[in-house]
């Protein structure tokens, strides 16, 4: 797992990210930039309304962007997300 804007961007560009998770609390400009980066590099992206839970889940309250670098971990996250949200085409396993 990679945390923070600069590190996640680097992993997207180097095609090491398997999934990018963004907090909906980020600016529209940042969300748009990462959405384009992910689409251009064929990487799934989730934008979640997390109310601060994304950062808390990794032990750093200030984190609003995470890249998953392990395919198996991505698969687990996507399965849970798809099951909970009822949307099966947002996050591919």
PDB file of N, CA and C in Angstrom:
ATOM      1  N   UNK A   1       0.844  -1.163   0.000  1.00  0.00           N
ATOM      2  CA  UNK A   1       0.000   0.000   0.000  1.00  0.00           C
ATOM      3  C   UNK A   1       0.897   1.236   0.000  1.00  0.00           C
ATOM      4  N   UNK A   2       0.479   2.234  -0.762  1.00  0.00           N
ATOM      5  CA  UNK A   2       1.225   3.482  -0.868  1.00  0.00           C
ATOM      6  C   UNK A   2       0.291   4.614  -0.447  1.00  0.00           C
ATOM      7  N   UNK A   3       0.812   5.535   0.355  1.00  0.00           N
ATOM      8  CA  UNK A   3       0.008   6.614   0.905  1.00  0.00           C
ATOM      9  C   UNK A   3       0.469   7.972   0.414  1.00  0.00           C
ATOM     10  N   UNK A   4      -0.471   8.861   0.161  1.00  0.00           N
ATOM     11  CA  UNK A   4      -0.149  10.244  -0.166  1.00  0.00           C
ATOM     12  C   UNK A   4      -0.105  10.534  -1.654  1.00  0.00           C
ATOM     13  N   UNK A   5      -0.367  11.774  -1.977  1.00  0.00           N
ATOM     14  CA  UNK A   5      -0.519  12.222  -3.357  1.00  0.00           C
ATOM     15  C   UNK A   5       0.699  11.944  -4.236  1.00  0.00           C
ATOM     16  N   UNK A   6       1.859  12.399  -3.836  1.00  0.00           N
ATOM     17  CA  UNK A   6       3.063  12.263  -4.668  1.00  0.00           C
ATOM     18  C   UNK A   6       3.438  10.799  -4.880  1.00  0.00           C
ATOM     19  N   UNK A   7       3.405  10.021  -3.812  1.00  0.00           N
ATOM     20  CA  UNK A   7       3.776   8.604  -3.921  1.00  0.00           C
ATOM     21  C   UNK A   7       2.784   7.844  -4.786  1.00  0.00           C
ATOM     22  N   UNK A   8       1.493   8.105  -4.605  1.00  0.00           N
ATOM     23  CA  UNK A   8       0.476   7.413  -5.403  1.00  0.00           C
ATOM     24  C   UNK A   8       0.617   7.780  -6.873  1.00  0.00           C
ATOM     25  N   UNK A   9       0.841   9.045  -7.152  1.00  0.00           N
ATOM     26  CA  UNK A   9       1.016   9.476  -8.550  1.00  0.00           C
ATOM     27  C   UNK A   9       2.195   8.744  -9.197  1.00  0.00           C
ATOM     28  N   UNK A  10       3.288   8.628  -8.470  1.00  0.00           N
ATOM     29  CA  UNK A  10       4.464   7.930  -8.982  1.00  0.00           C
ATOM     30  C   UNK A  10       4.136   6.461  -9.295  1.00  0.00           C
ATOM     31  N   UNK A  11       3.406   5.809  -8.409  1.00  0.00           N
ATOM     32  CA  UNK A  11       3.055   4.406  -8.611  1.00  0.00           C
ATOM     33  C   UNK A  11       2.076   4.227  -9.766  1.00  0.00           C
ATOM     34  N   UNK A  12       1.208   5.202  -9.987  1.00  0.00           N
ATOM     35  CA  UNK A  12       0.302   5.137 -11.141  1.00  0.00           C
ATOM     36  C   UNK A  12       1.106   5.245 -12.427  1.00  0.00           C
ATOM     37  N   UNK A  13       1.968   6.239 -12.493  1.00  0.00           N
ATOM     38  CA  UNK A  13       2.761   6.466 -13.706  1.00  0.00           C
ATOM     39  C   UNK A  13       3.658   5.278 -14.015  1.00  0.00           C
ATOM     40  N   UNK A  14       4.214   4.662 -12.985  1.00  0.00           N
ATOM     41  CA  UNK A  14       5.079   3.491 -13.169  1.00  0.00           C
ATOM     42  C   UNK A  14       4.295   2.190 -13.297  1.00  0.00           C
ATOM     43  N   UNK A  15       2.949   2.310 -13.303  1.00  0.00           N
ATOM     44  CA  UNK A  15       2.036   1.168 -13.457  1.00  0.00           C
ATOM     45  C   UNK A  15       2.227   0.106 -12.381  1.00  0.00           C
ATOM     46  N   UNK A  16       2.591   0.548 -11.177  1.00  0.00           N
ATOM     47  CA  UNK A  16       2.728  -0.367 -10.052  1.00  0.00           C
ATOM     48  C   UNK A  16       1.460  -0.399  -9.197  1.00  0.00           C
ATOM     49  N   UNK A  17       0.593   0.591  -9.345  1.00  0.00           N
ATOM     50  CA  UNK A  17      -0.664   0.630  -8.605  1.00  0.00           C
ATOM     51  C   UNK A  17      -1.666  -0.297  -9.276  1.00  0.00           C
ATOM     52  N   UNK A  18      -2.416  -1.025  -8.476  1.00  0.00           N
ATOM     53  CA  UNK A  18      -3.475  -1.900  -8.989  1.00  0.00           C
ATOM     54  C   UNK A  18      -4.843  -1.268  -8.769  1.00  0.00           C
ATOM     55  N   UNK A  19      -4.955  -0.442  -7.732  1.00  0.00           N
ATOM     56  CA  UNK A  19      -6.197   0.226  -7.378  1.00  0.00           C
ATOM     57  C   UNK A  19      -5.849   1.514  -6.644  1.00  0.00           C
ATOM     58  N   UNK A  20      -6.573   2.579  -6.962  1.00  0.00           N
ATOM     59  CA  UNK A  20      -6.388   3.856  -6.260  1.00  0.00           C
ATOM     60  C   UNK A  20      -7.701   4.195  -5.571  1.00  0.00           C
ATOM     61  N   UNK A  21      -7.597   4.549  -4.292  1.00  0.00           N
ATOM     62  CA  UNK A  21      -8.765   4.920  -3.502  1.00  0.00           C
ATOM     63  C   UNK A  21      -8.596   6.376  -3.080  1.00  0.00           C
ATOM     64  N   UNK A  22      -9.592   7.195  -3.425  1.00  0.00           N
ATOM     65  CA  UNK A  22      -9.570   8.622  -3.106  1.00  0.00           C
ATOM     66  C   UNK A  22     -10.715   8.964  -2.168  1.00  0.00           C
ATOM     67  N   UNK A  23     -10.478   9.891  -1.274  1.00  0.00           N
ATOM     68  CA  UNK A  23     -11.535  10.443  -0.434  1.00  0.00           C
ATOM     69  C   UNK A  23     -12.306  11.478  -1.238  1.00  0.00           C
ATOM     70  N   UNK A  24     -13.611  11.459  -1.101  1.00  0.00           N
ATOM     71  CA  UNK A  24     -14.422  12.469  -1.790  1.00  0.00           C
ATOM     72  C   UNK A  24     -14.184  13.867  -1.215  1.00  0.00           C
ATOM     73  N   UNK A  25     -13.456  13.956  -0.099  1.00  0.00           N
ATOM     74  CA  UNK A  25     -13.125  15.248   0.508  1.00  0.00           C
ATOM     75  C   UNK A  25     -12.017  15.980  -0.234  1.00  0.00           C
ATOM     76  N   UNK A  26     -11.368  15.327  -1.184  1.00  0.00           N
ATOM     77  CA  UNK A  26     -10.343  15.991  -1.985  1.00  0.00           C
ATOM     78  C   UNK A  26     -10.988  17.004  -2.916  1.00  0.00           C
ATOM     79  N   UNK A  27     -10.195  17.935  -3.413  1.00  0.00           N
ATOM     80  CA  UNK A  27     -10.736  18.932  -4.336  1.00  0.00           C
ATOM     81  C   UNK A  27     -11.140  18.268  -5.656  1.00  0.00           C
ATOM     82  N   UNK A  28     -12.077  18.887  -6.355  1.00  0.00           N
ATOM     83  CA  UNK A  28     -12.504  18.372  -7.659  1.00  0.00           C
ATOM     84  C   UNK A  28     -11.323  18.280  -8.621  1.00  0.00           C
ATOM     85  N   UNK A  29     -10.438  19.243  -8.536  1.00  0.00           N
ATOM     86  CA  UNK A  29      -9.264  19.259  -9.408  1.00  0.00           C
ATOM     87  C   UNK A  29      -8.373  18.038  -9.150  1.00  0.00           C
ATOM     88  N   UNK A  30      -8.134  17.716  -7.890  1.00  0.00           N
ATOM     89  CA  UNK A  30      -7.300  16.561  -7.546  1.00  0.00           C
ATOM     90  C   UNK A  30      -7.985  15.263  -7.970  1.00  0.00           C
ATOM     91  N   UNK A  31      -9.271  15.157  -7.702  1.00  0.00           N
ATOM     92  CA  UNK A  31     -10.009  13.954  -8.099  1.00  0.00           C
ATOM     93  C   UNK A  31      -9.957  13.789  -9.611  1.00  0.00           C
ATOM     94  N   UNK A  32     -10.167  14.857 -10.336  1.00  0.00           N
ATOM     95  CA  UNK A  32     -10.133  14.813 -11.804  1.00  0.00           C
ATOM     96  C   UNK A  32      -8.749  14.403 -12.314  1.00  0.00           C
ATOM     97  N   UNK A  33      -7.709  14.967 -11.713  1.00  0.00           N
ATOM     98  CA  UNK A  33      -6.335  14.654 -12.134  1.00  0.00           C
ATOM     99  C   UNK A  33      -6.047  13.167 -11.948  1.00  0.00           C
ATOM    100  N   UNK A  34      -6.417  12.620 -10.797  1.00  0.00           N
ATOM    101  CA  UNK A  34      -6.153  11.211 -10.547  1.00  0.00           C
ATOM    102  C   UNK A  34      -7.063  10.305 -11.364  1.00  0.00           C
ATOM    103  N   UNK A  35      -8.280  10.753 -11.622  1.00  0.00           N
ATOM    104  CA  UNK A  35      -9.177   9.982 -12.481  1.00  0.00           C
ATOM    105  C   UNK A  35      -8.580   9.844 -13.885  1.00  0.00           C
ATOM    106  N   UNK A  36      -8.066  10.925 -14.410  1.00  0.00           N
ATOM    107  CA  UNK A  36      -7.436  10.901 -15.744  1.00  0.00           C
ATOM    108  C   UNK A  36      -6.177  10.039 -15.728  1.00  0.00           C
ATOM    109  N   UNK A  37      -5.336  10.204 -14.703  1.00  0.00           N
ATOM    110  CA  UNK A  37      -4.117   9.393 -14.592  1.00  0.00           C
ATOM    111  C   UNK A  37      -4.447   7.900 -14.558  1.00  0.00           C
ATOM    112  N   UNK A  38      -5.442   7.540 -13.773  1.00  0.00           N
ATOM    113  CA  UNK A  38      -5.813   6.130 -13.657  1.00  0.00           C
ATOM    114  C   UNK A  38      -6.385   5.596 -14.969  1.00  0.00           C
ATOM    115  N   UNK A  39      -7.244   6.369 -15.606  1.00  0.00           N
ATOM    116  CA  UNK A  39      -7.816   5.934 -16.882  1.00  0.00           C
ATOM    117  C   UNK A  39      -6.730   5.763 -17.935  1.00  0.00           C
ATOM    118  N   UNK A  40      -5.797   6.697 -17.992  1.00  0.00           N
ATOM    119  CA  UNK A  40      -4.714   6.617 -18.975  1.00  0.00           C
ATOM    120  C   UNK A  40      -3.778   5.441 -18.736  1.00  0.00           C
ATOM    121  N   UNK A  41      -3.735   4.964 -17.495  1.00  0.00           N
ATOM    122  CA  UNK A  41      -2.841   3.850 -17.153  1.00  0.00           C
ATOM    123  C   UNK A  41      -3.600   2.561 -16.841  1.00  0.00           C
ATOM    124  N   UNK A  42      -4.904   2.553 -17.151  1.00  0.00           N
ATOM    125  CA  UNK A  42      -5.760   1.375 -16.989  1.00  0.00           C
ATOM    126  C   UNK A  42      -5.726   0.833 -15.555  1.00  0.00           C
ATOM    127  N   UNK A  43      -5.931   1.733 -14.594  1.00  0.00           N
ATOM    128  CA  UNK A  43      -5.932   1.390 -13.169  1.00  0.00           C
ATOM    129  C   UNK A  43      -7.302   1.751 -12.601  1.00  0.00           C
ATOM    130  N   UNK A  44      -7.892   0.816 -11.866  1.00  0.00           N
ATOM    131  CA  UNK A  44      -9.189   1.079 -11.241  1.00  0.00           C
ATOM    132  C   UNK A  44      -9.052   2.146 -10.173  1.00  0.00           C
ATOM    133  N   UNK A  45     -10.114   2.928 -10.030  1.00  0.00           N
ATOM    134  CA  UNK A  45     -10.137   3.999  -9.042  1.00  0.00           C
ATOM    135  C   UNK A  45     -11.478   3.969  -8.319  1.00  0.00           C
ATOM    136  N   UNK A  46     -11.429   4.160  -7.022  1.00  0.00           N
ATOM    137  CA  UNK A  46     -12.627   4.288  -6.207  1.00  0.00           C
ATOM    138  C   UNK A  46     -12.596   5.639  -5.521  1.00  0.00           C
ATOM    139  N   UNK A  47     -13.698   6.348  -5.600  1.00  0.00           N
ATOM    140  CA  UNK A  47     -13.838   7.605  -4.885  1.00  0.00           C
ATOM    141  C   UNK A  47     -14.893   7.343  -3.820  1.00  0.00           C
ATOM    142  N   UNK A  48     -14.472   7.411  -2.573  1.00  0.00           N
ATOM    143  CA  UNK A  48     -15.368   7.032  -1.487  1.00  0.00           C
ATOM    144  C   UNK A  48     -15.674   8.211  -0.583  1.00  0.00           C
ATOM    145  N   UNK A  49     -16.877   8.218  -0.059  1.00  0.00           N
ATOM    146  CA  UNK A  49     -17.285   9.195   0.944  1.00  0.00           C
ATOM    147  C   UNK A  49     -16.895   8.604   2.283  1.00  0.00           C
ATOM    148  N   UNK A  50     -15.699   8.952   2.750  1.00  0.00           N
ATOM    149  CA  UNK A  50     -15.128   8.217   3.874  1.00  0.00           C
ATOM    150  C   UNK A  50     -15.210   8.911   5.221  1.00  0.00           C
ATOM    151  N   UNK A  51     -15.560  10.188   5.266  1.00  0.00           N
ATOM    152  CA  UNK A  51     -15.641  10.920   6.535  1.00  0.00           C
ATOM    153  C   UNK A  51     -14.403  10.727   7.410  1.00  0.00           C
ATOM    154  N   UNK A  52     -13.243  10.624   6.793  1.00  0.00           N
ATOM    155  CA  UNK A  52     -11.994  10.493   7.544  1.00  0.00           C
ATOM    156  C   UNK A  52     -11.566   9.077   7.847  1.00  0.00           C
ATOM    157  N   UNK A  53     -12.381   8.099   7.470  1.00  0.00           N
ATOM    158  CA  UNK A  53     -12.064   6.709   7.802  1.00  0.00           C
ATOM    159  C   UNK A  53     -10.905   6.153   6.982  1.00  0.00           C
ATOM    160  N   UNK A  54     -10.692   6.666   5.782  1.00  0.00           N
ATOM    161  CA  UNK A  54      -9.586   6.168   4.952  1.00  0.00           C
ATOM    162  C   UNK A  54      -8.263   6.393   5.668  1.00  0.00           C
ATOM    163  N   UNK A  55      -8.030   7.590   6.125  1.00  0.00           N
ATOM    164  CA  UNK A  55      -6.801   7.889   6.861  1.00  0.00           C
ATOM    165  C   UNK A  55      -6.702   7.122   8.168  1.00  0.00           C
ATOM    166  N   UNK A  56      -7.799   7.065   8.898  1.00  0.00           N
ATOM    167  CA  UNK A  56      -7.804   6.344  10.169  1.00  0.00           C
ATOM    168  C   UNK A  56      -7.521   4.857   9.971  1.00  0.00           C
ATOM    169  N   UNK A  57      -7.983   4.305   8.856  1.00  0.00           N
ATOM    170  CA  UNK A  57      -7.786   2.870   8.622  1.00  0.00           C
ATOM    171  C   UNK A  57      -6.323   2.512   8.372  1.00  0.00           C
ATOM    172  N   UNK A  58      -5.523   3.504   7.992  1.00  0.00           N
ATOM    173  CA  UNK A  58      -4.093   3.250   7.780  1.00  0.00           C
ATOM    174  C   UNK A  58      -3.238   3.912   8.864  1.00  0.00           C
ATOM    175  N   UNK A  59      -3.899   4.443   9.882  1.00  0.00           N
ATOM    176  CA  UNK A  59      -3.180   5.003  11.019  1.00  0.00           C
ATOM    177  C   UNK A  59      -2.678   6.422  10.840  1.00  0.00           C
ATOM    178  N   UNK A  60      -3.173   7.115   9.812  1.00  0.00           N
ATOM    179  CA  UNK A  60      -2.774   8.511   9.586  1.00  0.00           C
ATOM    180  C   UNK A  60      -3.993   9.317   9.176  1.00  0.00           C
ATOM    181  N   UNK A  61      -4.494  10.105  10.080  1.00  0.00           N
ATOM    182  CA  UNK A  61      -5.735  10.842   9.846  1.00  0.00           C
ATOM    183  C   UNK A  61      -5.703  11.743   8.618  1.00  0.00           C
ATOM    184  N   UNK A  62      -4.530  12.224   8.243  1.00  0.00           N
ATOM    185  CA  UNK A  62      -4.424  13.178   7.141  1.00  0.00           C
ATOM    186  C   UNK A  62      -4.424  12.532   5.757  1.00  0.00           C
ATOM    187  N   UNK A  63      -4.414  11.225   5.656  1.00  0.00           N
ATOM    188  CA  UNK A  63      -4.340  10.536   4.359  1.00  0.00           C
ATOM    189  C   UNK A  63      -5.704  10.530   3.680  1.00  0.00           C
ATOM    190  N   UNK A  64      -5.720  10.960   2.415  1.00  0.00           N
ATOM    191  CA  UNK A  64      -6.957  10.979   1.635  1.00  0.00           C
ATOM    192  C   UNK A  64      -6.795  10.282   0.290  1.00  0.00           C
ATOM    193  N   UNK A  65      -5.624   9.690   0.076  1.00  0.00           N
ATOM    194  CA  UNK A  65      -5.382   8.974  -1.172  1.00  0.00           C
ATOM    195  C   UNK A  65      -4.460   7.791  -0.897  1.00  0.00           C
ATOM    196  N   UNK A  66      -4.862   6.639  -1.422  1.00  0.00           N
ATOM    197  CA  UNK A  66      -4.128   5.398  -1.184  1.00  0.00           C
ATOM    198  C   UNK A  66      -4.051   4.622  -2.492  1.00  0.00           C
ATOM    199  N   UNK A  67      -2.910   4.008  -2.742  1.00  0.00           N
ATOM    200  CA  UNK A  67      -2.778   3.090  -3.875  1.00  0.00           C
ATOM    201  C   UNK A  67      -2.527   1.694  -3.326  1.00  0.00           C
ATOM    202  N   UNK A  68      -3.240   0.746  -3.859  1.00  0.00           N
ATOM    203  CA  UNK A  68      -3.040  -0.659  -3.524  1.00  0.00           C
ATOM    204  C   UNK A  68      -2.124  -1.232  -4.595  1.00  0.00           C
ATOM    205  N   UNK A  69      -1.043  -1.875  -4.163  1.00  0.00           N
ATOM    206  CA  UNK A  69      -0.047  -2.376  -5.120  1.00  0.00           C
ATOM    207  C   UNK A  69      -0.070  -3.887  -5.274  1.00  0.00           C
ATOM    208  N   UNK A  70      -0.853  -4.547  -4.465  1.00  0.00           N
ATOM    209  CA  UNK A  70      -0.934  -6.005  -4.505  1.00  0.00           C
ATOM    210  C   UNK A  70      -2.261  -6.422  -5.133  1.00  0.00           C
ATOM    211  N   UNK A  71      -2.199  -7.272  -6.158  1.00  0.00           N
ATOM    212  CA  UNK A  71      -3.409  -7.672  -6.871  1.00  0.00           C
ATOM    213  C   UNK A  71      -4.383  -8.417  -5.962  1.00  0.00           C
ATOM    214  N   UNK A  72      -3.889  -9.290  -5.096  1.00  0.00           N
ATOM    215  CA  UNK A  72      -4.775 -10.055  -4.208  1.00  0.00           C
ATOM    216  C   UNK A  72      -5.515  -9.129  -3.242  1.00  0.00           C
ATOM    217  N   UNK A  73      -4.820  -8.132  -2.721  1.00  0.00           N
ATOM    218  CA  UNK A  73      -5.448  -7.166  -1.818  1.00  0.00           C
ATOM    219  C   UNK A  73      -6.486  -6.345  -2.578  1.00  0.00           C
ATOM    220  N   UNK A  74      -6.150  -5.944  -3.803  1.00  0.00           N
ATOM    221  CA  UNK A  74      -7.096  -5.216  -4.650  1.00  0.00           C
ATOM    222  C   UNK A  74      -8.357  -6.043  -4.863  1.00  0.00           C
ATOM    223  N   UNK A  75      -8.185  -7.302  -5.136  1.00  0.00           N
ATOM    224  CA  UNK A  75      -9.315  -8.188  -5.403  1.00  0.00           C
ATOM    225  C   UNK A  75     -10.254  -8.248  -4.197  1.00  0.00           C
ATOM    226  N   UNK A  76      -9.684  -8.372  -3.014  1.00  0.00           N
ATOM    227  CA  UNK A  76     -10.483  -8.422  -1.784  1.00  0.00           C
ATOM    228  C   UNK A  76     -11.251  -7.106  -1.596  1.00  0.00           C
ATOM    229  N   UNK A  77     -10.565  -5.989  -1.765  1.00  0.00           N
ATOM    230  CA  UNK A  77     -11.205  -4.678  -1.609  1.00  0.00           C
ATOM    231  C   UNK A  77     -12.337  -4.521  -2.622  1.00  0.00           C
ATOM    232  N   UNK A  78     -12.085  -4.894  -3.871  1.00  0.00           N
ATOM    233  CA  UNK A  78     -13.109  -4.761  -4.915  1.00  0.00           C
ATOM    234  C   UNK A  78     -14.322  -5.645  -4.626  1.00  0.00           C
ATOM    235  N   UNK A  79     -14.083  -6.869  -4.188  1.00  0.00           N
ATOM    236  CA  UNK A  79     -15.194  -7.759  -3.870  1.00  0.00           C
ATOM    237  C   UNK A  79     -16.054  -7.186  -2.756  1.00  0.00           C
ATOM    238  N   UNK A  80     -15.423  -6.671  -1.711  1.00  0.00           N
ATOM    239  CA  UNK A  80     -16.174  -6.079  -0.597  1.00  0.00           C
ATOM    240  C   UNK A  80     -16.903  -4.824  -1.061  1.00  0.00           C
ATOM    241  N   UNK A  81     -16.222  -3.970  -1.814  1.00  0.00           N
ATOM    242  CA  UNK A  81     -16.836  -2.737  -2.304  1.00  0.00           C
ATOM    243  C   UNK A  81     -18.038  -3.047  -3.181  1.00  0.00           C
ATOM    244  N   UNK A  82     -17.865  -3.958  -4.123  1.00  0.00           N
ATOM    245  CA  UNK A  82     -18.953  -4.298  -5.039  1.00  0.00           C
ATOM    246  C   UNK A  82     -20.142  -4.901  -4.287  1.00  0.00           C
ATOM    247  N   UNK A  83     -19.857  -5.736  -3.300  1.00  0.00           N
ATOM    248  CA  UNK A  83     -20.923  -6.354  -2.512  1.00  0.00           C
ATOM    249  C   UNK A  83     -21.675  -5.306  -1.692  1.00  0.00           C
ATOM    250  N   UNK A  84     -20.935  -4.414  -1.049  1.00  0.00           N
ATOM    251  CA  UNK A  84     -21.553  -3.402  -0.196  1.00  0.00           C
ATOM    252  C   UNK A  84     -22.293  -2.328  -0.993  1.00  0.00           C
ATOM    253  N   UNK A  85     -21.728  -1.945  -2.137  1.00  0.00           N
ATOM    254  CA  UNK A  85     -22.322  -0.858  -2.917  1.00  0.00           C
ATOM    255  C   UNK A  85     -23.388  -1.344  -3.885  1.00  0.00           C
ATOM    256  N   UNK A  86     -23.344  -2.633  -4.235  1.00  0.00           N
ATOM    257  CA  UNK A  86     -24.275  -3.156  -5.220  1.00  0.00           C
ATOM    258  C   UNK A  86     -23.909  -2.787  -6.638  1.00  0.00           C
ATOM    259  N   UNK A  87     -22.728  -2.200  -6.817  1.00  0.00           N
ATOM    260  CA  UNK A  87     -22.258  -1.807  -8.141  1.00  0.00           C
ATOM    261  C   UNK A  87     -21.124  -2.739  -8.516  1.00  0.00           C
ATOM    262  N   UNK A  88     -21.276  -3.453  -9.627  1.00  0.00           N
ATOM    263  CA  UNK A  88     -20.280  -4.463  -9.961  1.00  0.00           C
ATOM    264  C   UNK A  88     -19.288  -4.015 -11.033  1.00  0.00           C
ATOM    265  N   UNK A  89     -19.497  -2.860 -11.632  1.00  0.00           N
ATOM    266  CA  UNK A  89     -18.610  -2.464 -12.725  1.00  0.00           C
ATOM    267  C   UNK A  89     -17.659  -1.337 -12.366  1.00  0.00           C
ATOM    268  N   UNK A  90     -17.674  -0.886 -11.115  1.00  0.00           N
ATOM    269  CA  UNK A  90     -16.791   0.209 -10.712  1.00  0.00           C
ATOM    270  C   UNK A  90     -15.401  -0.298 -10.435  1.00  0.00           C
ATOM    271  N   UNK A  91     -15.307  -1.383  -9.729  1.00  0.00           N
ATOM    272  CA  UNK A  91     -14.027  -1.944  -9.318  1.00  0.00           C
ATOM    273  C   UNK A  91     -13.945  -3.374  -9.843  1.00  0.00           C
ATOM    274  N   UNK A  92     -13.045  -3.593 -10.770  1.00  0.00           N
ATOM    275  CA  UNK A  92     -12.926  -4.905 -11.405  1.00  0.00           C
ATOM    276  C   UNK A  92     -11.974  -5.805 -10.631  1.00  0.00           C
ATOM    277  N   UNK A  93     -12.325  -7.074 -10.534  1.00  0.00           N
ATOM    278  CA  UNK A  93     -11.470  -8.027  -9.818  1.00  0.00           C
ATOM    279  C   UNK A  93     -10.692  -8.895 -10.769  1.00  0.00           C
TER     280      UNK A  93
END
